[in-house]
Amino acid sequence: MGDTPPNATPAPGDGFTPITSQEQFNALLSDRLERAKAQAVKQFADYDALKAKAAQFDQQQQAVKTTEQKHADALAAVQSEVVSLKDELAKS
């Protein structure tokens, strides 16, 4: 740890200016939020392109599936629906 106690007032000339009003705090907070938004926009700028690529990949994966896989998927969906309908009938 340093030589400065935790509650000590910083020495003049160290670049720190304490916030003394709500307006100063709001201005500093606003500046920080703007920087964070700009960083987020930059960080996720290619999100739509990646989302489109993922959708294209999913379409290609579906096209690659064999007929047997498609039938198995359809059977699983129908079986799930049957179970759901049985549960509804049991409740009524």
Protein backbone atom coordinates (compact mmCIF):
# COMPACT_ATOMS: atom_id res chain seq x y z
CA MET A 1 0.00 0.00 0.00
CA GLY A 2 1.03 3.61 -0.32
CA ASP A 3 2.08 6.16 2.25
CA THR A 4 -1.16 8.13 1.86
CA PRO A 5 -3.89 7.40 4.41
CA PRO A 6 -7.25 6.44 2.85
CA ASN A 7 -9.04 9.64 3.96
CA ALA A 8 -6.21 12.03 3.12
CA THR A 9 -6.80 15.01 0.84
CA PRO A 10 -4.70 14.75 -2.34
CA ALA A 11 -1.85 17.20 -2.73
CA PRO A 12 -2.35 20.12 -5.12
CA GLY A 13 -1.05 19.50 -8.60
CA ASP A 14 -1.72 15.76 -8.68
CA GLY A 15 -4.48 16.18 -11.29
CA PHE A 16 -7.40 15.32 -9.04
CA THR A 17 -10.23 17.78 -8.64
CA PRO A 18 -12.90 16.78 -6.15
CA ILE A 19 -16.51 16.89 -7.25
CA THR A 20 -18.29 19.58 -5.28
CA SER A 21 -21.70 19.82 -6.96
CA GLN A 22 -24.38 17.63 -8.45
CA GLU A 23 -23.90 19.39 -11.81
CA GLN A 24 -20.22 18.41 -11.91
CA PHE A 25 -21.09 14.84 -11.02
CA ASN A 26 -23.81 14.71 -13.71
CA ALA A 27 -21.43 16.11 -16.33
CA LEU A 28 -18.70 13.59 -15.46
CA LEU A 29 -21.18 10.74 -15.41
CA SER A 30 -22.64 11.82 -18.74
CA ASP A 31 -19.17 11.92 -20.31
CA ARG A 32 -18.40 8.44 -18.98
CA LEU A 33 -21.70 7.04 -20.25
CA GLU A 34 -21.07 8.50 -23.71
CA ARG A 35 -17.63 6.86 -23.80
CA ALA A 36 -19.15 3.54 -22.72
CA LYS A 37 -21.85 3.77 -25.41
CA ALA A 38 -19.27 4.58 -28.07
CA GLN A 39 -17.20 1.60 -26.98
CA ALA A 40 -20.23 -0.70 -27.07
CA VAL A 41 -21.18 0.49 -30.54
CA LYS A 42 -17.65 -0.14 -31.71
CA GLN A 43 -17.43 -3.50 -29.96
CA PHE A 44 -20.68 -4.84 -31.41
CA ALA A 45 -20.52 -3.11 -34.81
CA ASP A 46 -20.41 -6.42 -36.67
CA TYR A 47 -23.23 -8.05 -34.67
CA ASP A 48 -25.74 -7.93 -37.54
CA ALA A 49 -23.20 -9.43 -39.97
CA LEU A 50 -22.40 -12.24 -37.52
CA LYS A 51 -26.10 -12.86 -36.95
CA ALA A 52 -26.66 -13.13 -40.72
CA LYS A 53 -23.73 -15.53 -41.05
CA ALA A 54 -25.11 -17.66 -38.24
CA ALA A 55 -28.50 -17.82 -39.95
CA GLN A 56 -26.83 -18.77 -43.22
CA PHE A 57 -24.87 -21.48 -41.42
CA ASP A 58 -28.08 -22.85 -39.88
CA GLN A 59 -29.69 -22.97 -43.31
CA GLN A 60 -26.71 -24.85 -44.72
CA GLN A 61 -26.79 -27.30 -41.82
CA GLN A 62 -30.49 -27.96 -42.48
CA ALA A 63 -29.76 -28.56 -46.16
CA VAL A 64 -27.05 -31.05 -45.29
CA LYS A 65 -29.27 -33.18 -43.10
CA THR A 66 -30.29 -36.46 -44.66
CA THR A 67 -33.89 -37.39 -45.24
CA GLU A 68 -33.67 -39.83 -42.36
CA GLN A 69 -32.55 -37.08 -39.99
CA LYS A 70 -35.40 -34.87 -41.13
CA HIS A 71 -37.89 -37.67 -40.49
CA ALA A 72 -36.39 -38.33 -37.06
CA ASP A 73 -36.70 -34.63 -36.19
CA ALA A 74 -40.33 -34.57 -37.37
CA LEU A 75 -41.10 -37.73 -35.37
CA ALA A 76 -39.57 -36.20 -32.24
CA ALA A 77 -41.68 -33.07 -32.71
CA VAL A 78 -44.86 -35.11 -33.13
CA GLN A 79 -44.03 -37.25 -30.07
CA SER A 80 -43.48 -34.11 -28.03
CA GLU A 81 -46.82 -32.75 -29.15
CA VAL A 82 -48.54 -36.05 -28.26
CA VAL A 83 -47.08 -35.93 -24.76
CA SER A 84 -48.25 -32.33 -24.39
CA LEU A 85 -51.77 -33.21 -25.54
CA LYS A 86 -51.90 -36.20 -23.15
CA ASP A 87 -50.94 -33.91 -20.28
CA GLU A 88 -53.71 -31.48 -21.25
CA LEU A 89 -56.26 -34.29 -21.39
CA ALA A 90 -55.15 -35.62 -18.02
CA LYS A 91 -55.65 -32.18 -16.45
CA SER A 92 -59.19 -31.80 -17.77
